[in-house]
C-alpha atoms as a PDB file:
ATOM      1  CA  MET A   1       8.568 -63.941 -11.617  1.00  0.00           C
ATOM      2  CA  ALA A   2       5.667 -65.584 -13.435  1.00  0.00           C
ATOM      3  CA  ASP A   3       6.014 -66.761 -17.016  1.00  0.00           C
ATOM      4  CA  PHE A   4       3.209 -64.934 -18.827  1.00  0.00           C
ATOM      5  CA  ALA A   5       1.691 -66.485 -21.925  1.00  0.00           C
ATOM      6  CA  TYR A   6       1.161 -64.278 -24.939  1.00  0.00           C
ATOM      7  CA  PRO A   7      -0.173 -64.847 -28.448  1.00  0.00           C
ATOM      8  CA  ARG A   8       2.288 -65.944 -31.113  1.00  0.00           C
ATOM      9  CA  THR A   9       1.855 -65.701 -34.875  1.00  0.00           C
ATOM     10  CA  ILE A  10       3.020 -67.892 -37.769  1.00  0.00           C
ATOM     11  CA  THR A  11       2.463 -67.016 -41.429  1.00  0.00           C
ATOM     12  CA  SER A  12       2.880 -69.911 -43.840  1.00  0.00           C
ATOM     13  CA  THR A  13       2.597 -70.585 -47.552  1.00  0.00           C
ATOM     14  CA  THR A  14       3.863 -74.176 -47.261  1.00  0.00           C
ATOM     15  CA  THR A  15       3.305 -77.142 -44.932  1.00  0.00           C
ATOM     16  CA  GLY A  16       4.001 -77.399 -41.224  1.00  0.00           C
ATOM     17  CA  THR A  17       2.975 -78.683 -37.823  1.00  0.00           C
ATOM     18  CA  LEU A  18       1.741 -76.824 -34.764  1.00  0.00           C
ATOM     19  CA  ASP A  19       2.379 -78.363 -31.347  1.00  0.00           C
ATOM     20  CA  GLY A  20      -0.889 -79.492 -29.777  1.00  0.00           C
ATOM     21  CA  ASN A  21       0.058 -78.226 -26.317  1.00  0.00           C
ATOM     22  CA  ASN A  22      -1.482 -74.788 -26.797  1.00  0.00           C
ATOM     23  CA  SER A  23      -4.421 -73.100 -25.083  1.00  0.00           C
ATOM     24  CA  TRP A  24      -6.158 -72.042 -28.294  1.00  0.00           C
ATOM     25  CA  VAL A  25      -5.449 -71.452 -31.953  1.00  0.00           C
ATOM     26  CA  THR A  26      -6.992 -69.331 -34.706  1.00  0.00           C
ATOM     27  CA  PHE A  27      -6.438 -70.215 -38.362  1.00  0.00           C
ATOM     28  CA  LEU A  28      -6.970 -67.367 -40.834  1.00  0.00           C
ATOM     29  CA  ASN A  29      -6.800 -68.201 -44.531  1.00  0.00           C
ATOM     30  CA  SER A  30      -6.018 -64.881 -46.188  1.00  0.00           C
ATOM     31  CA  GLY A  31      -4.872 -66.264 -49.536  1.00  0.00           C
ATOM     32  CA  ALA A  32      -6.543 -67.161 -52.810  1.00  0.00           C
ATOM     33  CA  GLY A  33      -6.947 -70.918 -52.299  1.00  0.00           C
ATOM     34  CA  ALA A  34      -8.143 -73.344 -49.647  1.00  0.00           C
ATOM     35  CA  CYS A  35      -5.792 -74.915 -47.113  1.00  0.00           C
ATOM     36  CA  THR A  36      -5.998 -78.295 -45.406  1.00  0.00           C
ATOM     37  CA  ILE A  37      -5.775 -78.674 -41.631  1.00  0.00           C
ATOM     38  CA  THR A  38      -5.293 -82.153 -40.131  1.00  0.00           C
ATOM     39  CA  PHE A  39      -5.556 -83.162 -36.479  1.00  0.00           C
ATOM     40  CA  ASP A  40      -2.720 -85.667 -36.074  1.00  0.00           C
ATOM     41  CA  GLY A  41      -4.254 -87.365 -33.027  1.00  0.00           C
ATOM     42  CA  THR A  42      -7.439 -88.353 -34.878  1.00  0.00           C
ATOM     43  CA  LEU A  43      -6.323 -87.952 -38.525  1.00  0.00           C
ATOM     44  CA  ASN A  44      -9.487 -85.927 -39.131  1.00  0.00           C
ATOM     45  CA  SER A  45      -8.952 -83.101 -41.585  1.00  0.00           C
ATOM     46  CA  PHE A  46     -10.892 -80.261 -43.137  1.00  0.00           C
ATOM     47  CA  SER A  47     -10.455 -77.660 -45.831  1.00  0.00           C
ATOM     48  CA  LEU A  48     -10.493 -74.014 -44.762  1.00  0.00           C
ATOM     49  CA  PRO A  49     -11.728 -71.878 -47.680  1.00  0.00           C
ATOM     50  CA  SER A  50     -10.145 -68.591 -48.702  1.00  0.00           C
ATOM     51  CA  ASN A  51     -10.996 -65.556 -46.548  1.00  0.00           C
ATOM     52  CA  ASN A  52     -12.304 -67.700 -43.675  1.00  0.00           C
ATOM     53  CA  SER A  53     -11.097 -68.264 -40.137  1.00  0.00           C
ATOM     54  CA  LEU A  54     -11.551 -70.872 -37.427  1.00  0.00           C
ATOM     55  CA  THR A  55     -10.800 -70.607 -33.696  1.00  0.00           C
ATOM     56  CA  LEU A  56     -10.335 -73.739 -31.585  1.00  0.00           C
ATOM     57  CA  PRO A  57     -10.076 -73.616 -27.767  1.00  0.00           C
ATOM     58  CA  ASN A  58      -8.180 -76.237 -25.753  1.00  0.00           C
ATOM     59  CA  ILE A  59      -6.593 -77.839 -28.799  1.00  0.00           C
ATOM     60  CA  GLY A  60      -4.045 -80.055 -27.035  1.00  0.00           C
ATOM     61  CA  ARG A  61      -6.202 -82.643 -25.330  1.00  0.00           C
ATOM     62  CA  PRO A  62      -8.722 -83.693 -27.968  1.00  0.00           C
ATOM     63  CA  TYR A  63      -6.710 -83.086 -31.132  1.00  0.00           C
ATOM     64  CA  GLY A  64      -2.979 -83.517 -30.513  1.00  0.00           C
ATOM     65  CA  ASP A  65      -0.578 -81.849 -32.933  1.00  0.00           C
ATOM     66  CA  ILE A  66      -2.068 -80.059 -35.933  1.00  0.00           C
ATOM     67  CA  SER A  67      -0.580 -80.289 -39.428  1.00  0.00           C
ATOM     68  CA  PHE A  68      -1.400 -77.787 -42.136  1.00  0.00           C
ATOM     69  CA  ASN A  69      -0.895 -77.517 -45.874  1.00  0.00           C
ATOM     70  CA  ALA A  70      -1.061 -73.922 -47.070  1.00  0.00           C
ATOM     71  CA  THR A  71       0.558 -74.519 -50.456  1.00  0.00           C
ATOM     72  CA  GLY A  72      -1.013 -72.085 -52.926  1.00  0.00           C
ATOM     73  CA  THR A  73      -2.489 -69.799 -50.273  1.00  0.00           C
ATOM     74  CA  THR A  74      -1.478 -67.824 -47.177  1.00  0.00           C
ATOM     75  CA  LEU A  75      -2.374 -69.208 -43.754  1.00  0.00           C
ATOM     76  CA  VAL A  76      -1.964 -67.041 -40.666  1.00  0.00           C
ATOM     77  CA  ILE A  77      -1.928 -68.969 -37.388  1.00  0.00           C
ATOM     78  CA  ILE A  78      -2.384 -67.126 -34.101  1.00  0.00           C
ATOM     79  CA  TYR A  79      -1.973 -69.282 -31.002  1.00  0.00           C
ATOM     80  CA  MET A  80      -1.467 -69.094 -27.255  1.00  0.00           C
ATOM     81  CA  ALA A  81       1.248 -71.352 -25.894  1.00  0.00           C
END
């Protein structure tokens, strides 16, 4: 029987890391403040403002693992493993 992929969801108000071996990821900042997202492979980071979202396809190859700091806000992460 095939192993079917399905979307998974994480809700965070702290810091964490998402494995870079995922098909795609959507970050949704639903809290009051901005959150910081850092691509560990390149150390590039950006600030995702409140009430904004970002979807990234094929995150594993170019970016590696992704760290996030959602302290002071609520970050919802939807991803496909």
